[in-house]
Amino acid sequence: MYASAVCIDGDDDSIMKVESKILNWLKKTNFMLDEERDIMGNMTYNDDEIKKGLGYEQLQRYVPIKLKEEKIDLEA
């Protein structure tokens, strides 16, 4: 299972910000980082019109996650 988000391709600050937000989100869920697998990325195809409108290429980040062994109370 993966948590996924989009960042700016080639922009290390954007990539690290997205990964940090995913890791912070995980703290509030019953999931945790699955350190046995690697974080993956996939460059999405944007045609010229989309690239022009966005001003950058997109990169999809996939952070491997798994269920926590001990669940947290999400309603607290």
C-alpha atoms as a PDB file:
ATOM      1  CA  MET A   1       0.000   0.000   0.000  1.00  0.00           C
ATOM      2  CA  TYR A   2       1.236   3.531  -0.726  1.00  0.00           C
ATOM      3  CA  ALA A   3       0.393   7.087   0.273  1.00  0.00           C
ATOM      4  CA  SER A   4       0.676   9.240  -2.827  1.00  0.00           C
ATOM      5  CA  ALA A   5       1.049  12.940  -3.590  1.00  0.00           C
ATOM      6  CA  VAL A   6       2.180  15.190  -6.435  1.00  0.00           C
ATOM      7  CA  CYS A   7       5.215  17.478  -6.311  1.00  0.00           C
ATOM      8  CA  ILE A   8       7.301  19.491  -8.750  1.00  0.00           C
ATOM      9  CA  ASP A   9       9.671  17.296 -10.743  1.00  0.00           C
ATOM     10  CA  GLY A  10      13.310  18.271 -10.320  1.00  0.00           C
ATOM     11  CA  ASP A  11      12.626  20.516  -7.305  1.00  0.00           C
ATOM     12  CA  ASP A  12      14.227  18.901  -4.244  1.00  0.00           C
ATOM     13  CA  ASP A  13      12.482  21.323  -1.865  1.00  0.00           C
ATOM     14  CA  SER A  14       9.068  20.382  -3.278  1.00  0.00           C
ATOM     15  CA  ILE A  15       9.876  16.675  -3.123  1.00  0.00           C
ATOM     16  CA  MET A  16      11.045  16.873   0.511  1.00  0.00           C
ATOM     17  CA  LYS A  17       8.040  19.026   1.491  1.00  0.00           C
ATOM     18  CA  VAL A  18       5.598  16.492   0.032  1.00  0.00           C
ATOM     19  CA  GLU A  19       7.345  13.557   1.707  1.00  0.00           C
ATOM     20  CA  SER A  20       7.390  15.433   5.036  1.00  0.00           C
ATOM     21  CA  LYS A  21       3.656  16.155   4.775  1.00  0.00           C
ATOM     22  CA  ILE A  22       2.923  12.493   4.101  1.00  0.00           C
ATOM     23  CA  LEU A  23       5.031  11.418   7.099  1.00  0.00           C
ATOM     24  CA  ASN A  24       3.252  13.957   9.321  1.00  0.00           C
ATOM     25  CA  TRP A  25      -0.124  12.735   8.047  1.00  0.00           C
ATOM     26  CA  LEU A  26       0.853   9.159   8.919  1.00  0.00           C
ATOM     27  CA  LYS A  27       1.248  10.153  12.588  1.00  0.00           C
ATOM     28  CA  LYS A  28      -2.497  10.881  12.698  1.00  0.00           C
ATOM     29  CA  THR A  29      -3.555   7.589  11.119  1.00  0.00           C
ATOM     30  CA  ASN A  30      -3.412   3.869  11.805  1.00  0.00           C
ATOM     31  CA  PHE A  31      -0.674   3.550   9.187  1.00  0.00           C
ATOM     32  CA  MET A  32       3.088   3.832   9.395  1.00  0.00           C
ATOM     33  CA  LEU A  33       6.011   4.055   7.006  1.00  0.00           C
ATOM     34  CA  ASP A  34       6.976   0.667   5.589  1.00  0.00           C
ATOM     35  CA  GLU A  35      10.768   0.957   5.762  1.00  0.00           C
ATOM     36  CA  GLU A  36      11.251  -2.402   4.040  1.00  0.00           C
ATOM     37  CA  ARG A  37      10.259  -0.805   0.729  1.00  0.00           C
ATOM     38  CA  ASP A  38      11.581   2.244  -1.109  1.00  0.00           C
ATOM     39  CA  ILE A  39       9.810   5.514  -1.807  1.00  0.00           C
ATOM     40  CA  MET A  40       9.040   5.614  -5.507  1.00  0.00           C
ATOM     41  CA  GLY A  41       8.417   8.351  -8.029  1.00  0.00           C
ATOM     42  CA  ASN A  42       6.743   8.540 -11.403  1.00  0.00           C
ATOM     43  CA  MET A  43       6.942  11.450 -13.820  1.00  0.00           C
ATOM     44  CA  THR A  44       3.432  12.069 -15.059  1.00  0.00           C
ATOM     45  CA  TYR A  45       3.015  12.990 -18.701  1.00  0.00           C
ATOM     46  CA  ASN A  46       1.801  16.537 -19.178  1.00  0.00           C
ATOM     47  CA  ASP A  47       1.145  17.762 -22.681  1.00  0.00           C
ATOM     48  CA  ASP A  48       2.583  21.162 -23.605  1.00  0.00           C
ATOM     49  CA  GLU A  49      -0.632  23.027 -22.766  1.00  0.00           C
ATOM     50  CA  ILE A  50      -0.774  21.615 -19.232  1.00  0.00           C
ATOM     51  CA  LYS A  51       2.950  22.163 -18.697  1.00  0.00           C
ATOM     52  CA  LYS A  52       2.581  25.761 -19.872  1.00  0.00           C
ATOM     53  CA  GLY A  53      -0.376  26.323 -17.534  1.00  0.00           C
ATOM     54  CA  LEU A  54       1.336  24.765 -14.521  1.00  0.00           C
ATOM     55  CA  GLY A  55       4.779  26.136 -15.275  1.00  0.00           C
ATOM     56  CA  TYR A  56       6.458  22.865 -14.277  1.00  0.00           C
ATOM     57  CA  GLU A  57       6.502  19.095 -14.741  1.00  0.00           C
ATOM     58  CA  GLN A  58       4.778  16.957 -12.123  1.00  0.00           C
ATOM     59  CA  LEU A  59       6.221  14.050 -10.169  1.00  0.00           C
ATOM     60  CA  GLN A  60       4.006  11.551  -8.382  1.00  0.00           C
ATOM     61  CA  ARG A  61       5.579  10.315  -5.100  1.00  0.00           C
ATOM     62  CA  TYR A  62       4.597   6.964  -3.623  1.00  0.00           C
ATOM     63  CA  VAL A  63       5.499   6.456   0.042  1.00  0.00           C
ATOM     64  CA  PRO A  64       5.166   2.823   1.176  1.00  0.00           C
ATOM     65  CA  ILE A  65       2.917   2.393   4.194  1.00  0.00           C
ATOM     66  CA  LYS A  66       1.550  -0.436   6.308  1.00  0.00           C
ATOM     67  CA  LEU A  67      -0.914  -0.839   9.156  1.00  0.00           C
ATOM     68  CA  LYS A  68       0.388  -0.094  12.633  1.00  0.00           C
ATOM     69  CA  GLU A  69       0.498  -3.107  14.899  1.00  0.00           C
ATOM     70  CA  GLU A  70      -1.104  -1.072  17.683  1.00  0.00           C
ATOM     71  CA  LYS A  71      -3.993   1.124  16.549  1.00  0.00           C
ATOM     72  CA  ILE A  72      -4.473   4.673  17.805  1.00  0.00           C
ATOM     73  CA  ASP A  73      -7.756   6.296  18.818  1.00  0.00           C
ATOM     74  CA  LEU A  74      -8.567   8.483  15.809  1.00  0.00           C
ATOM     75  CA  GLU A  75     -11.454  10.219  17.575  1.00  0.00           C
ATOM     76  CA  ALA A  76      -9.268  11.727  20.316  1.00  0.00           C
END
